[in-house]
Amino acid sequence: MRQVILYPGDDGFFVAECPSLPGCISQGATRESAISNIKEAIALYVEALQEDGLPVPEEKFETLLLAV
């Protein structure tokens, strides 16, 4: 399980990033495609770390929604 931040990008695409995996960012024309793409990016990121014998960072982020 990984937390993902999803937000609209400047180019009209949705951006999805996984803060616990530095540099693991993807995008898509729709929310659904951005979510699908980040799932694939996370899987490939973790696979690459494992293949290189590197530790996979634990999920340690907590998100809050604040009204200001």
N, C-alpha and C. Protein backbone atom coordinates (compact mmCIF):
# COMPACT_ATOMS: atom_id res chain seq x y z
N MET A 1 0.85 -1.18 0.00
CA MET A 1 0.00 0.00 0.00
C MET A 1 0.89 1.24 0.00
N ARG A 2 0.61 2.15 -0.89
CA ARG A 2 1.36 3.40 -0.99
C ARG A 2 0.38 4.56 -1.09
N GLN A 3 0.74 5.66 -0.44
CA GLN A 3 -0.04 6.87 -0.59
C GLN A 3 0.40 7.58 -1.87
N VAL A 4 -0.58 8.11 -2.57
CA VAL A 4 -0.33 8.81 -3.83
C VAL A 4 -1.01 10.17 -3.75
N ILE A 5 -0.32 11.17 -4.23
CA ILE A 5 -0.90 12.51 -4.34
C ILE A 5 -1.31 12.70 -5.79
N LEU A 6 -2.52 13.13 -5.99
CA LEU A 6 -3.07 13.33 -7.33
C LEU A 6 -3.53 14.77 -7.45
N TYR A 7 -3.07 15.46 -8.49
CA TYR A 7 -3.45 16.86 -8.66
C TYR A 7 -3.41 17.24 -10.14
N PRO A 8 -4.16 18.27 -10.53
CA PRO A 8 -4.15 18.71 -11.92
C PRO A 8 -2.84 19.44 -12.24
N GLY A 9 -2.23 19.07 -13.35
CA GLY A 9 -1.00 19.72 -13.78
C GLY A 9 -1.30 20.94 -14.62
N ASP A 10 -0.26 21.70 -14.91
CA ASP A 10 -0.42 22.93 -15.70
C ASP A 10 -0.84 22.67 -17.14
N ASP A 11 -0.56 21.45 -17.64
CA ASP A 11 -0.85 21.14 -19.03
C ASP A 11 -2.20 20.47 -19.25
N GLY A 12 -3.03 20.43 -18.20
CA GLY A 12 -4.34 19.81 -18.32
C GLY A 12 -4.36 18.34 -17.97
N PHE A 13 -3.19 17.74 -17.79
CA PHE A 13 -3.10 16.34 -17.39
C PHE A 13 -3.17 16.25 -15.87
N PHE A 14 -3.49 15.08 -15.36
CA PHE A 14 -3.44 14.83 -13.93
C PHE A 14 -2.07 14.26 -13.60
N VAL A 15 -1.48 14.76 -12.52
CA VAL A 15 -0.17 14.30 -12.06
C VAL A 15 -0.39 13.43 -10.84
N ALA A 16 0.33 12.32 -10.78
CA ALA A 16 0.26 11.42 -9.63
C ALA A 16 1.69 11.15 -9.16
N GLU A 17 1.91 11.31 -7.87
CA GLU A 17 3.24 11.02 -7.35
C GLU A 17 3.15 10.26 -6.04
N CYS A 18 4.18 9.48 -5.79
CA CYS A 18 4.25 8.66 -4.59
C CYS A 18 5.39 9.19 -3.73
N PRO A 19 5.09 9.97 -2.68
CA PRO A 19 6.13 10.63 -1.89
C PRO A 19 7.11 9.68 -1.21
N SER A 20 6.68 8.47 -0.88
CA SER A 20 7.59 7.55 -0.19
C SER A 20 8.62 6.93 -1.13
N LEU A 21 8.43 7.12 -2.44
CA LEU A 21 9.38 6.63 -3.44
C LEU A 21 9.88 7.84 -4.23
N PRO A 22 10.97 8.44 -3.79
CA PRO A 22 11.45 9.68 -4.41
C PRO A 22 11.59 9.58 -5.93
N GLY A 23 10.98 10.53 -6.62
CA GLY A 23 11.05 10.57 -8.08
C GLY A 23 10.03 9.70 -8.78
N CYS A 24 9.18 9.02 -8.03
CA CYS A 24 8.16 8.16 -8.64
C CYS A 24 6.93 9.02 -8.93
N ILE A 25 6.87 9.50 -10.17
CA ILE A 25 5.83 10.42 -10.61
C ILE A 25 5.32 9.96 -11.97
N SER A 26 4.03 10.10 -12.20
CA SER A 26 3.46 9.79 -13.49
C SER A 26 2.33 10.78 -13.76
N GLN A 27 1.68 10.61 -14.89
CA GLN A 27 0.57 11.49 -15.24
C GLN A 27 -0.38 10.76 -16.18
N GLY A 28 -1.52 11.38 -16.43
CA GLY A 28 -2.49 10.83 -17.36
C GLY A 28 -3.49 11.89 -17.76
N ALA A 29 -4.14 11.67 -18.88
CA ALA A 29 -5.12 12.63 -19.39
C ALA A 29 -6.36 12.69 -18.50
N THR A 30 -6.64 11.60 -17.78
CA THR A 30 -7.76 11.55 -16.85
C THR A 30 -7.25 11.10 -15.48
N ARG A 31 -8.09 11.28 -14.47
CA ARG A 31 -7.72 10.80 -13.13
C ARG A 31 -7.45 9.30 -13.16
N GLU A 32 -8.32 8.58 -13.84
CA GLU A 32 -8.21 7.13 -13.91
C GLU A 32 -6.91 6.69 -14.58
N SER A 33 -6.55 7.36 -15.67
CA SER A 33 -5.30 6.97 -16.35
C SER A 33 -4.08 7.35 -15.52
N ALA A 34 -4.14 8.46 -14.81
CA ALA A 34 -3.02 8.84 -13.94
C ALA A 34 -2.86 7.82 -12.81
N ILE A 35 -3.97 7.35 -12.25
CA ILE A 35 -3.92 6.33 -11.20
C ILE A 35 -3.36 5.02 -11.74
N SER A 36 -3.83 4.62 -12.89
CA SER A 36 -3.32 3.39 -13.51
C SER A 36 -1.82 3.51 -13.79
N ASN A 37 -1.40 4.67 -14.29
CA ASN A 37 0.01 4.88 -14.62
C ASN A 37 0.89 4.90 -13.38
N ILE A 38 0.42 5.49 -12.29
CA ILE A 38 1.26 5.54 -11.08
C ILE A 38 1.33 4.15 -10.45
N LYS A 39 0.29 3.35 -10.55
CA LYS A 39 0.36 1.97 -10.06
C LYS A 39 1.47 1.21 -10.78
N GLU A 40 1.52 1.37 -12.09
CA GLU A 40 2.56 0.71 -12.88
C GLU A 40 3.94 1.26 -12.51
N ALA A 41 4.05 2.58 -12.34
CA ALA A 41 5.32 3.19 -11.99
C ALA A 41 5.81 2.70 -10.63
N ILE A 42 4.91 2.57 -9.67
CA ILE A 42 5.28 2.08 -8.34
C ILE A 42 5.79 0.64 -8.44
N ALA A 43 5.08 -0.20 -9.16
CA ALA A 43 5.49 -1.60 -9.31
C ALA A 43 6.87 -1.70 -9.95
N LEU A 44 7.12 -0.92 -10.99
CA LEU A 44 8.41 -0.95 -11.67
C LEU A 44 9.52 -0.38 -10.80
N TYR A 45 9.21 0.64 -10.04
CA TYR A 45 10.18 1.26 -9.12
C TYR A 45 10.64 0.24 -8.09
N VAL A 46 9.67 -0.42 -7.44
CA VAL A 46 9.98 -1.42 -6.42
C VAL A 46 10.74 -2.58 -7.04
N GLU A 47 10.33 -3.03 -8.20
CA GLU A 47 11.01 -4.13 -8.89
C GLU A 47 12.48 -3.77 -9.17
N ALA A 48 12.73 -2.56 -9.63
CA ALA A 48 14.09 -2.12 -9.94
C ALA A 48 14.95 -2.09 -8.67
N LEU A 49 14.39 -1.61 -7.57
CA LEU A 49 15.14 -1.61 -6.31
C LEU A 49 15.50 -3.03 -5.89
N GLN A 50 14.54 -3.93 -5.98
CA GLN A 50 14.77 -5.32 -5.58
C GLN A 50 15.81 -5.99 -6.47
N GLU A 51 15.75 -5.73 -7.77
CA GLU A 51 16.73 -6.30 -8.70
C GLU A 51 18.14 -5.81 -8.40
N ASP A 52 18.24 -4.56 -7.93
CA ASP A 52 19.55 -3.98 -7.61
C ASP A 52 19.99 -4.30 -6.18
N GLY A 53 19.15 -5.05 -5.45
CA GLY A 53 19.49 -5.40 -4.08
C GLY A 53 19.41 -4.24 -3.11
N LEU A 54 18.63 -3.25 -3.45
CA LEU A 54 18.47 -2.07 -2.60
C LEU A 54 17.21 -2.18 -1.76
N PRO A 55 17.20 -1.55 -0.59
CA PRO A 55 16.01 -1.62 0.26
C PRO A 55 14.85 -0.83 -0.35
N VAL A 56 13.66 -1.33 -0.16
CA VAL A 56 12.45 -0.64 -0.60
C VAL A 56 11.98 0.22 0.56
N PRO A 57 11.89 1.55 0.36
CA PRO A 57 11.45 2.43 1.46
C PRO A 57 10.06 2.05 1.95
N GLU A 58 9.89 2.13 3.26
CA GLU A 58 8.58 1.86 3.84
C GLU A 58 7.67 3.06 3.61
N GLU A 59 6.38 2.80 3.60
CA GLU A 59 5.40 3.88 3.52
C GLU A 59 5.37 4.56 4.88
N LYS A 60 5.66 5.86 4.91
CA LYS A 60 5.74 6.54 6.19
C LYS A 60 5.04 7.90 6.17
N PHE A 61 4.38 8.20 5.09
CA PHE A 61 3.74 9.50 4.98
C PHE A 61 2.31 9.44 5.48
N GLU A 62 1.87 10.56 6.01
CA GLU A 62 0.49 10.71 6.45
C GLU A 62 -0.04 11.96 5.79
N THR A 63 -1.21 11.91 5.26
CA THR A 63 -1.78 13.08 4.60
C THR A 63 -2.93 13.64 5.44
N LEU A 64 -3.07 14.93 5.35
CA LEU A 64 -4.17 15.63 6.02
C LEU A 64 -4.80 16.59 5.03
N LEU A 65 -6.05 16.78 5.16
CA LEU A 65 -6.77 17.78 4.38
C LEU A 65 -7.18 18.88 5.35
N LEU A 66 -6.64 20.07 5.15
CA LEU A 66 -6.91 21.18 6.06
C LEU A 66 -7.70 22.28 5.37
N ALA A 67 -8.66 22.82 6.06
CA ALA A 67 -9.41 23.98 5.56
C ALA A 67 -8.79 25.21 6.21
N VAL A 68 -8.37 26.16 5.38
CA VAL A 68 -7.73 27.37 5.89
C VAL A 68 -8.52 28.58 5.42
